[in-house]
Amino acid sequence: MRPLAAILLLSISLRADLVEQSAKNSKPSGLLAGAARADITPSIGIPHLNWGSQTHVEAIGIDPAGMAATALVLSDGARKFVMIDIDTLNINGMRDIHERIAHTTGIPASHIRLAATHTHSGPMFQREKGPLGADPKPYEKMMAAYHTLLSDRITAAVVEAEKNLRPVHAWGAKGAGSININRRMRASSQGGPAAVGRNPEGPLDRDLIVIRIDDSDGNPYAVLVNYPCHGIVLTYENKMISPDWVGMMRKTVEQAMPGALCLFFQGAAGDQGPVEWGTGDLSVAHRLGRILGHQAAALALQVETTRRVPHFEGYVESTALAAKQPWRVEGPRESTLKFVSKTLDLPPRRYTPREIEDEPFSGIGAAVKKASPLDVTMFCGYSSGKGGDYMPVETEYPYGGYEVERTPYGVGAAEKLIRETIALYPQVQ
């Protein structure tokens, strides 16, 4: 029996030696993370007024991708920071939710970031949109009830995410997406202003940023995706409540990385729209979402959340002499949790429209990312709940059009934002 036992032990030893090292073989990074998701899908019949050209008021169906809010809590053991992506047009009117989360968890409000994915196909009642004459009272009552649902479920998701805190490793990568295009169509040759459409010659930011978070065993736990593209594949003809392309993008990433939750943070998309848009066909939104989802998943699968390199450990006799170079973990990556914020006084225009979510042009995000001294930098819009509408870069004002007409900011506002944001980098290095 002894020879058999020796052979069995040798077999087990050889098989174990074939297993490459991963994050589970690393020392702790010192970073903790917890994630959780809430279903925020409303009932059919809720108001759906997102477009002035709509002929319907109520949604008659729900996108199978569903509507979600996903919370991520990060901690270094002493401080906590919360990031929440929400399938909604903007986060205006959610200050009470923000404060409720802070009160419930004890996490300072300044450490909590609500962010809209910026879908234009979510629940919304706007008197100036769609067919005129609809009695607003029943719809306003529906929206108030939906706001209560959002408050309950988003807060519960943050509480659950905090309970789920665990040691993690994190790192990111930058690649390129392919589903957006500049949406400020030039119409000067026809004597008109810039229109919302397709402008292949306009400024374009296709930076696709992913941050992968693994648990201490090296299993994917969360993936953050950042990309600048309006959620307007579906427009006035669509009668479905939908997260637009974002929902299917998240599902595609999660299918490629089982066990992980995907969070999406919209970029500087003020002048960035989908390459195909303006339809009521849900399959188009799903197709574009899958395209970017596969591109993001491919990036995330390549990310090494620990310092992992091949080590030369001799040769193996074979038909050709082969070098033995197994992958070994040398330790965790830098995982310091730092954050800083600053409120800016930006030059205004002569009028001030009602405050809605900022929509920075892509040139702002591109400039801030280009100047970053960090390995991976996300520029995220639609998340402060303060400010007003679009923020064009200086070169866009002469073209006029929808975004320029709506902005409350004067020439130079975007450039000041860029300068002041870049000046904050030394505080987080």
Protein backbone atom coordinates (compact mmCIF):
# COMPACT_ATOMS: atom_id res chain seq x y z
CA MET A 1 0.00 0.00 0.00
CA ARG A 2 2.92 2.40 0.60
CA PRO A 3 3.87 2.78 -3.11
CA LEU A 4 0.24 3.57 -3.97
CA ALA A 5 0.08 6.16 -1.18
CA ALA A 6 3.32 7.74 -2.41
CA ILE A 7 2.02 7.91 -5.97
CA LEU A 8 -1.25 9.48 -4.76
CA LEU A 9 0.58 12.14 -2.73
CA LEU A 10 2.85 12.91 -5.66
CA SER A 11 -0.18 13.31 -7.95
CA ILE A 12 -1.86 15.71 -5.52
CA SER A 13 1.37 17.68 -5.16
CA LEU A 14 1.80 18.00 -8.93
CA ARG A 15 -1.80 19.07 -9.44
CA ALA A 16 -1.50 21.72 -6.73
CA ASP A 17 1.66 23.06 -8.34
CA LEU A 18 -0.26 23.67 -11.57
CA VAL A 19 -2.63 26.16 -9.87
CA GLU A 20 -1.47 29.70 -10.55
CA GLN A 21 -1.50 32.24 -7.75
CA SER A 22 -4.24 34.86 -7.53
CA ALA A 23 -5.47 37.55 -5.14
CA LYS A 24 -6.10 34.91 -2.46
CA ASN A 25 -2.33 34.48 -2.17
CA SER A 26 -1.78 38.17 -1.45
CA LYS A 27 -1.54 40.09 1.79
CA PRO A 28 -4.61 42.27 2.49
CA SER A 29 -4.74 45.56 0.63
CA GLY A 30 -6.39 47.37 3.53
CA LEU A 31 -9.42 48.21 1.38
CA LEU A 32 -12.92 46.99 2.24
CA ALA A 33 -15.95 46.99 -0.05
CA GLY A 34 -19.58 45.97 0.14
CA ALA A 35 -22.14 45.98 -2.67
CA ALA A 36 -25.89 45.49 -2.94
CA ARG A 37 -28.63 46.10 -5.49
CA ALA A 38 -32.25 47.22 -5.23
CA ASP A 39 -34.99 46.70 -7.79
CA ILE A 40 -36.57 50.10 -8.49
CA THR A 41 -38.80 48.99 -11.36
CA PRO A 42 -42.12 50.89 -11.18
CA SER A 43 -45.60 49.67 -12.08
CA ILE A 44 -46.98 49.94 -15.61
CA GLY A 45 -49.04 53.07 -16.02
CA ILE A 46 -46.61 55.40 -14.34
CA PRO A 47 -46.01 58.68 -16.25
CA HIS A 48 -43.32 58.55 -18.87
CA LEU A 49 -43.02 62.15 -20.06
CA ASN A 50 -39.41 62.59 -21.10
CA TRP A 51 -39.85 63.98 -24.63
CA GLY A 52 -41.67 67.02 -25.94
CA SER A 53 -42.67 65.10 -29.07
CA GLN A 54 -44.39 62.25 -27.18
CA THR A 55 -48.03 61.47 -27.90
CA HIS A 56 -48.46 59.21 -24.84
CA VAL A 57 -48.27 59.91 -21.11
CA GLU A 58 -48.24 56.48 -19.46
CA ALA A 59 -45.74 53.65 -19.85
CA ILE A 60 -47.38 50.46 -21.13
CA GLY A 61 -44.52 48.02 -20.52
CA ILE A 62 -41.24 47.31 -18.72
CA ASP A 63 -37.87 46.53 -20.30
CA PRO A 64 -36.84 42.99 -19.23
CA ALA A 65 -33.48 44.51 -18.25
CA GLY A 66 -35.33 46.12 -15.33
CA MET A 67 -34.58 49.30 -13.41
CA ALA A 68 -32.00 49.16 -10.63
CA ALA A 69 -30.09 51.09 -8.02
CA THR A 70 -26.74 49.58 -7.02
CA ALA A 71 -24.80 50.69 -3.94
CA LEU A 72 -21.07 50.31 -3.30
CA VAL A 73 -19.58 51.13 0.10
CA LEU A 74 -15.81 51.54 0.28
CA SER A 75 -13.81 51.73 3.50
CA ASP A 76 -10.24 51.78 4.74
CA GLY A 77 -11.38 50.63 8.18
CA ALA A 78 -11.72 54.17 9.48
CA ARG A 79 -13.72 56.09 6.86
CA LYS A 80 -16.46 55.10 4.45
CA PHE A 81 -17.45 56.38 1.02
CA VAL A 82 -20.68 55.45 -0.78
CA MET A 83 -21.31 55.36 -4.53
CA ILE A 84 -24.79 54.59 -5.87
CA ASP A 85 -25.84 54.30 -9.51
CA ILE A 86 -29.55 54.86 -10.12
CA ASP A 87 -31.52 54.23 -13.30
CA THR A 88 -33.04 57.68 -13.60
CA LEU A 89 -32.71 60.81 -15.73
CA ASN A 90 -31.17 62.85 -12.92
CA ILE A 91 -31.09 63.02 -9.14
CA ASN A 92 -32.92 66.31 -8.72
CA GLY A 93 -35.32 66.16 -5.82
CA MET A 94 -33.37 63.34 -4.12
CA ARG A 95 -31.77 65.46 -1.42
CA ASP A 96 -34.06 63.86 1.17
CA ILE A 97 -32.85 60.39 0.10
CA HIS A 98 -29.26 61.56 0.40
CA GLU A 99 -29.91 62.86 3.91
CA ARG A 100 -31.84 59.73 4.90
CA ILE A 101 -28.91 57.52 3.93
CA ALA A 102 -26.56 59.68 6.00
CA HIS A 103 -28.91 59.60 9.01
CA THR A 104 -29.52 55.84 8.75
CA THR A 105 -25.90 54.77 8.29
CA GLY A 106 -24.02 57.51 10.12
CA ILE A 107 -21.87 58.02 7.03
CA PRO A 108 -21.32 61.77 6.47
CA ALA A 109 -23.44 63.22 3.67
CA SER A 110 -20.27 64.55 2.01
CA HIS A 111 -19.10 60.93 1.67
CA ILE A 112 -22.24 59.81 -0.18
CA ARG A 113 -22.54 60.11 -3.95
CA LEU A 114 -25.82 59.49 -5.78
CA ALA A 115 -25.41 59.24 -9.54
CA ALA A 116 -27.95 59.02 -12.35
CA THR A 117 -27.29 56.69 -15.27
CA HIS A 118 -29.19 59.32 -17.31
CA THR A 119 -31.74 57.13 -19.01
CA HIS A 120 -34.44 59.15 -20.78
CA SER A 121 -36.92 56.27 -20.51
CA GLY A 122 -37.56 56.21 -16.77
CA PRO A 123 -40.59 57.42 -14.78
CA MET A 124 -41.06 61.17 -15.17
CA PHE A 125 -43.83 63.73 -15.21
CA GLN A 126 -42.97 67.07 -16.75
CA ARG A 127 -45.84 69.42 -17.56
CA GLU A 128 -44.01 70.84 -20.57
CA LYS A 129 -43.41 67.44 -22.17
CA GLY A 130 -45.65 65.28 -24.31
CA PRO A 131 -49.34 65.86 -25.11
CA LEU A 132 -50.86 68.91 -23.47
CA GLY A 133 -54.01 68.82 -21.39
CA ALA A 134 -53.30 65.77 -19.22
CA ASP A 135 -54.57 66.16 -15.65
CA PRO A 136 -51.35 66.27 -13.61
CA LYS A 137 -52.85 65.35 -10.21
CA PRO A 138 -53.02 61.53 -10.54
CA TYR A 139 -49.58 61.42 -12.16
CA GLU A 140 -48.00 63.64 -9.53
CA LYS A 141 -49.46 61.30 -6.91
CA MET A 142 -47.89 58.32 -8.72
CA MET A 143 -44.51 60.07 -8.85
CA ALA A 144 -44.69 60.88 -5.13
CA ALA A 145 -45.34 57.20 -4.38
CA TYR A 146 -42.47 56.20 -6.63
CA HIS A 147 -40.17 58.64 -4.83
CA THR A 148 -41.06 56.93 -1.55
CA LEU A 149 -40.21 53.58 -3.12
CA LEU A 150 -36.86 54.96 -4.28
CA SER A 151 -36.09 56.31 -0.83
CA ASP A 152 -36.91 53.01 0.88
CA ARG A 153 -35.07 50.76 -1.54
CA ILE A 154 -31.98 52.88 -2.16
CA THR A 155 -31.46 53.37 1.58
CA ALA A 156 -31.95 49.62 2.17
CA ALA A 157 -29.38 48.85 -0.54
CA VAL A 158 -26.79 51.07 1.15
CA VAL A 159 -27.49 49.47 4.53
CA GLU A 160 -27.08 46.00 2.98
CA ALA A 161 -23.90 47.03 1.16
CA GLU A 162 -22.43 48.31 4.43
CA LYS A 163 -23.23 44.97 6.09
CA ASN A 164 -21.51 43.21 3.18
CA LEU A 165 -18.16 44.98 3.74
CA ARG A 166 -15.25 42.58 3.22
CA PRO A 167 -11.52 42.73 2.42
CA VAL A 168 -10.98 43.34 -1.28
CA HIS A 169 -8.37 44.08 -3.92
CA ALA A 170 -9.04 46.67 -6.61
CA TRP A 171 -7.46 47.97 -9.80
CA GLY A 172 -8.61 49.48 -13.08
CA ALA A 173 -7.93 49.83 -16.77
CA LYS A 174 -8.71 52.17 -19.66
CA GLY A 175 -9.81 51.03 -23.09
CA ALA A 176 -12.10 52.27 -25.83
CA GLY A 177 -15.83 51.86 -26.36
CA SER A 178 -17.56 52.18 -29.72
CA ILE A 179 -21.23 53.03 -29.14
CA ASN A 180 -21.12 56.85 -28.90
CA ILE A 181 -20.80 59.73 -31.34
CA ASN A 182 -20.87 63.52 -31.06
CA ARG A 183 -24.55 64.48 -31.06
CA ARG A 184 -24.21 68.19 -31.98
CA MET A 185 -25.02 68.01 -35.69
CA ARG A 186 -23.82 71.12 -37.54
CA ALA A 187 -26.59 72.70 -39.59
CA SER A 188 -24.92 76.00 -40.54
CA SER A 189 -24.84 75.05 -44.23
CA GLN A 190 -28.65 74.94 -44.14
CA GLY A 191 -28.81 78.20 -42.23
CA GLY A 192 -29.89 76.61 -38.95
CA PRO A 193 -28.24 76.12 -35.55
CA ALA A 194 -26.67 72.95 -34.26
CA ALA A 195 -29.28 70.19 -33.81
CA VAL A 196 -29.38 67.01 -31.76
CA GLY A 197 -28.27 64.34 -34.21
CA ARG A 198 -25.01 62.79 -35.40
CA ASN A 199 -21.78 64.68 -36.03
CA PRO A 200 -18.96 62.29 -37.02
CA GLU A 201 -16.56 65.25 -37.20
CA GLY A 202 -17.35 66.64 -33.73
CA PRO A 203 -15.36 66.16 -30.50
CA LEU A 204 -15.56 62.58 -29.30
CA ASP A 205 -14.56 60.89 -26.05
CA ARG A 206 -14.60 57.11 -26.25
CA ASP A 207 -12.59 56.42 -23.10
CA LEU A 208 -13.99 53.29 -21.47
CA ILE A 209 -12.89 53.05 -17.84
CA VAL A 210 -13.38 49.96 -15.67
CA ILE A 211 -12.44 49.36 -12.06
CA ARG A 212 -12.50 45.76 -10.95
CA ILE A 213 -12.95 44.79 -7.31
CA ASP A 214 -12.14 41.23 -6.20
CA ASP A 215 -12.83 39.64 -2.84
CA SER A 216 -9.97 38.21 -0.78
CA ASP A 217 -10.28 34.87 -2.59
CA GLY A 218 -9.73 36.56 -5.95
CA ASN A 219 -13.35 36.22 -7.10
CA PRO A 220 -14.91 39.17 -8.98
CA TYR A 221 -17.09 41.15 -6.58
CA ALA A 222 -17.89 44.43 -8.34
CA VAL A 223 -17.08 46.14 -11.63
CA LEU A 224 -17.39 49.90 -12.09
CA VAL A 225 -17.89 51.08 -15.68
CA ASN A 226 -17.52 54.71 -16.77
CA TYR A 227 -18.37 55.91 -20.30
CA PRO A 228 -19.83 59.12 -21.80
CA CYS A 229 -23.03 58.43 -23.75
CA HIS A 230 -26.57 59.79 -23.37
CA GLY A 231 -29.30 57.26 -22.58
CA ILE A 232 -31.31 58.18 -25.66
CA VAL A 233 -31.33 55.13 -27.90
CA LEU A 234 -35.04 55.07 -27.03
CA THR A 235 -36.90 58.33 -27.62
CA TYR A 236 -40.46 59.66 -28.07
CA GLU A 237 -41.85 56.53 -29.78
CA ASN A 238 -40.80 54.27 -26.92
CA LYS A 239 -43.55 53.35 -24.45
CA MET A 240 -41.45 51.10 -22.21
CA ILE A 241 -39.86 51.96 -18.85
CA SER A 242 -36.22 51.19 -19.57
CA PRO A 243 -32.66 51.84 -18.39
CA ASP A 244 -31.91 52.26 -22.12
CA TRP A 245 -28.58 50.72 -23.22
CA VAL A 246 -27.13 50.81 -19.69
CA GLY A 247 -29.26 47.98 -18.34
CA MET A 248 -28.14 45.43 -20.90
CA MET A 249 -24.54 46.62 -20.57
CA ARG A 250 -24.62 45.79 -16.86
CA LYS A 251 -26.20 42.39 -17.46
CA THR A 252 -23.57 41.54 -20.08
CA VAL A 253 -20.70 42.39 -17.72
CA GLU A 254 -22.28 40.37 -14.92
CA GLN A 255 -22.80 37.37 -17.20
CA ALA A 256 -19.12 37.49 -18.14
CA MET A 257 -18.03 37.80 -14.50
CA PRO A 258 -20.38 35.63 -12.40
CA GLY A 259 -20.74 36.80 -8.81
CA ALA A 260 -19.95 40.44 -9.57
CA LEU A 261 -22.32 43.41 -9.52
CA CYS A 262 -21.76 45.99 -12.25
CA LEU A 263 -22.23 49.69 -11.51
CA PHE A 264 -22.38 52.32 -14.26
CA PHE A 265 -21.27 55.91 -13.83
CA GLN A 266 -22.14 58.27 -16.66
CA GLY A 267 -19.31 60.38 -18.08
CA ALA A 268 -19.25 63.89 -19.53
CA ALA A 269 -21.99 63.11 -22.03
CA GLY A 270 -23.45 66.55 -22.74
CA ASP A 271 -22.46 66.31 -26.41
CA GLN A 272 -22.14 62.52 -26.64
CA GLY A 273 -25.02 60.37 -27.90
CA PRO A 274 -25.44 56.75 -29.07
CA VAL A 275 -24.29 55.89 -32.60
CA GLU A 276 -27.85 54.70 -33.22
CA TRP A 277 -30.68 56.52 -31.49
CA GLY A 278 -34.14 57.99 -31.86
CA THR A 279 -36.15 54.76 -31.94
CA GLY A 280 -38.86 52.90 -30.09
CA ASP A 281 -37.17 49.56 -30.82
CA LEU A 282 -35.95 48.06 -27.54
CA SER A 283 -33.68 45.61 -29.36
CA VAL A 284 -31.45 48.48 -30.54
CA ALA A 285 -30.81 49.59 -26.95
CA HIS A 286 -30.10 45.99 -25.96
CA ARG A 287 -27.69 45.49 -28.85
CA LEU A 288 -25.66 48.61 -28.08
CA GLY A 289 -25.65 47.69 -24.39
CA ARG A 290 -24.28 44.25 -25.19
CA ILE A 291 -21.57 45.76 -27.39
CA LEU A 292 -20.28 48.04 -24.66
CA GLY A 293 -20.83 45.32 -22.06
CA HIS A 294 -18.55 42.92 -23.91
CA GLN A 295 -15.96 45.66 -24.38
CA ALA A 296 -16.07 46.50 -20.66
CA ALA A 297 -15.98 42.84 -19.62
CA ALA A 298 -12.96 42.19 -21.84
CA LEU A 299 -11.15 45.02 -20.06
CA ALA A 300 -12.19 43.87 -16.59
CA LEU A 301 -11.12 40.28 -17.24
CA GLN A 302 -7.62 41.53 -18.01
CA VAL A 303 -7.28 43.57 -14.81
CA GLU A 304 -4.92 42.16 -12.18
CA THR A 305 -6.14 43.43 -8.81
CA THR A 306 -2.86 42.38 -7.17
CA ARG A 307 0.76 42.70 -8.31
CA ARG A 308 0.97 39.38 -10.14
CA VAL A 309 3.90 38.55 -12.43
CA PRO A 310 5.49 35.46 -14.02
CA HIS A 311 8.50 34.10 -12.10
CA PHE A 312 11.23 32.07 -13.76
CA GLU A 313 11.64 28.84 -11.79
CA GLY A 314 13.84 26.71 -13.98
CA TYR A 315 13.26 24.55 -17.03
CA VAL A 316 11.08 21.61 -17.96
CA GLU A 317 12.43 18.90 -20.25
CA SER A 318 10.08 18.46 -23.19
CA THR A 319 10.20 18.13 -26.98
CA ALA A 320 11.55 21.67 -26.77
CA LEU A 321 13.27 22.98 -23.64
CA ALA A 322 10.54 24.96 -21.84
CA ALA A 323 10.99 27.66 -19.25
CA LYS A 324 8.93 27.19 -16.12
CA GLN A 325 7.31 30.60 -15.44
CA PRO A 326 4.29 30.31 -13.13
CA TRP A 327 2.41 33.46 -12.16
CA ARG A 328 3.10 34.50 -8.58
CA VAL A 329 1.55 37.24 -6.45
CA GLU A 330 4.07 39.74 -5.11
CA GLY A 331 1.59 41.61 -2.95
CA PRO A 332 -1.38 43.99 -2.98
CA ARG A 333 -1.67 47.12 -5.08
CA GLU A 334 -1.92 50.59 -3.58
CA SER A 335 -5.44 50.92 -2.15
CA THR A 336 -5.50 54.20 -0.23
CA LEU A 337 -8.97 55.70 0.19
CA LYS A 338 -8.91 59.48 -0.36
CA PHE A 339 -11.55 61.93 -1.50
CA VAL A 340 -11.85 65.68 -1.83
CA SER A 341 -14.55 68.08 -3.02
CA LYS A 342 -14.79 71.74 -3.91
CA THR A 343 -17.72 73.98 -4.80
CA LEU A 344 -17.02 76.42 -7.63
CA ASP A 345 -18.51 79.81 -8.44
CA LEU A 346 -18.75 79.68 -12.23
CA PRO A 347 -19.50 82.58 -14.59
CA PRO A 348 -23.27 82.75 -15.30
CA ARG A 349 -25.25 83.80 -18.32
CA ARG A 350 -27.88 86.54 -18.22
CA TYR A 351 -30.69 84.16 -17.32
CA THR A 352 -31.00 81.28 -14.88
CA PRO A 353 -33.39 78.48 -15.85
CA ARG A 354 -34.74 76.11 -13.23
CA GLU A 355 -31.98 74.00 -11.80
CA ILE A 356 -31.56 70.52 -13.27
CA GLU A 357 -28.66 68.09 -13.54
CA ASP A 358 -25.36 69.27 -14.98
CA GLU A 359 -24.51 67.84 -18.39
CA PRO A 360 -20.84 68.58 -19.01
CA PHE A 361 -19.53 68.41 -22.57
CA SER A 362 -17.03 65.68 -23.38
CA GLY A 363 -14.15 68.15 -23.75
CA ILE A 364 -14.34 68.81 -20.00
CA GLY A 365 -14.07 65.16 -19.03
CA ALA A 366 -11.37 64.49 -21.62
CA ALA A 367 -9.21 67.38 -20.37
CA VAL A 368 -9.55 66.36 -16.72
CA LYS A 369 -8.66 62.74 -17.48
CA LYS A 370 -5.74 63.71 -19.70
CA ALA A 371 -4.18 65.81 -16.92
CA SER A 372 -4.59 63.10 -14.28
CA PRO A 373 -1.40 61.78 -12.64
CA LEU A 374 -3.28 58.63 -11.61
CA ASP A 375 -3.25 55.31 -13.48
CA VAL A 376 -7.03 55.22 -13.90
CA THR A 377 -9.36 58.23 -13.68
CA MET A 378 -13.15 58.32 -14.04
CA PHE A 379 -14.97 61.58 -14.80
CA CYS A 380 -18.55 61.22 -13.63
CA GLY A 381 -21.42 63.57 -14.36
CA TYR A 382 -25.12 63.69 -13.36
CA SER A 383 -24.35 63.17 -9.71
CA SER A 384 -24.24 66.39 -7.69
CA GLY A 385 -27.87 67.44 -7.87
CA LYS A 386 -26.66 71.02 -8.07
CA GLY A 387 -25.88 73.37 -10.91
CA GLY A 388 -27.82 73.94 -14.07
CA ASP A 389 -28.23 72.03 -17.29
CA TYR A 390 -25.57 71.77 -20.02
CA MET A 391 -22.04 73.07 -19.70
CA PRO A 392 -20.58 73.65 -23.19
CA VAL A 393 -16.89 74.23 -23.83
CA GLU A 394 -16.02 77.68 -25.18
CA THR A 395 -15.75 76.63 -28.83
CA GLU A 396 -19.39 75.42 -28.92
CA TYR A 397 -21.11 78.69 -28.03
CA PRO A 398 -20.91 80.18 -31.56
CA TYR A 399 -22.87 77.22 -32.99
CA GLY A 400 -25.89 77.81 -30.77
CA GLY A 401 -28.48 75.04 -30.64
CA TYR A 402 -30.32 73.22 -27.87
CA GLU A 403 -27.50 72.77 -25.38
CA VAL A 404 -26.13 76.30 -25.74
CA GLU A 405 -29.58 77.87 -25.53
CA ARG A 406 -30.33 76.02 -22.28
CA THR A 407 -27.06 76.53 -20.42
CA PRO A 408 -27.03 78.98 -17.50
CA TYR A 409 -23.22 79.14 -17.73
CA GLY A 410 -21.24 81.83 -19.45
CA VAL A 411 -18.20 81.42 -21.69
CA GLY A 412 -15.24 80.24 -19.62
CA ALA A 413 -17.22 78.18 -17.10
CA ALA A 414 -16.08 74.84 -18.49
CA GLU A 415 -12.47 75.97 -18.68
CA LYS A 416 -12.57 77.13 -15.04
CA LEU A 417 -14.06 73.80 -14.00
CA ILE A 418 -11.22 72.00 -15.77
CA ARG A 419 -8.52 74.14 -14.10
CA GLU A 420 -10.01 73.85 -10.62
CA THR A 421 -10.55 70.10 -10.90
CA ILE A 422 -6.99 69.48 -12.06
CA ALA A 423 -5.76 71.55 -9.10
CA LEU A 424 -7.35 69.00 -6.73
CA TYR A 425 -5.23 66.07 -7.91
CA PRO A 426 -2.33 66.65 -5.46
CA GLN A 427 -4.76 66.18 -2.57
CA VAL A 428 -5.60 62.61 -3.58
CA GLN A 429 -2.19 61.37 -4.68
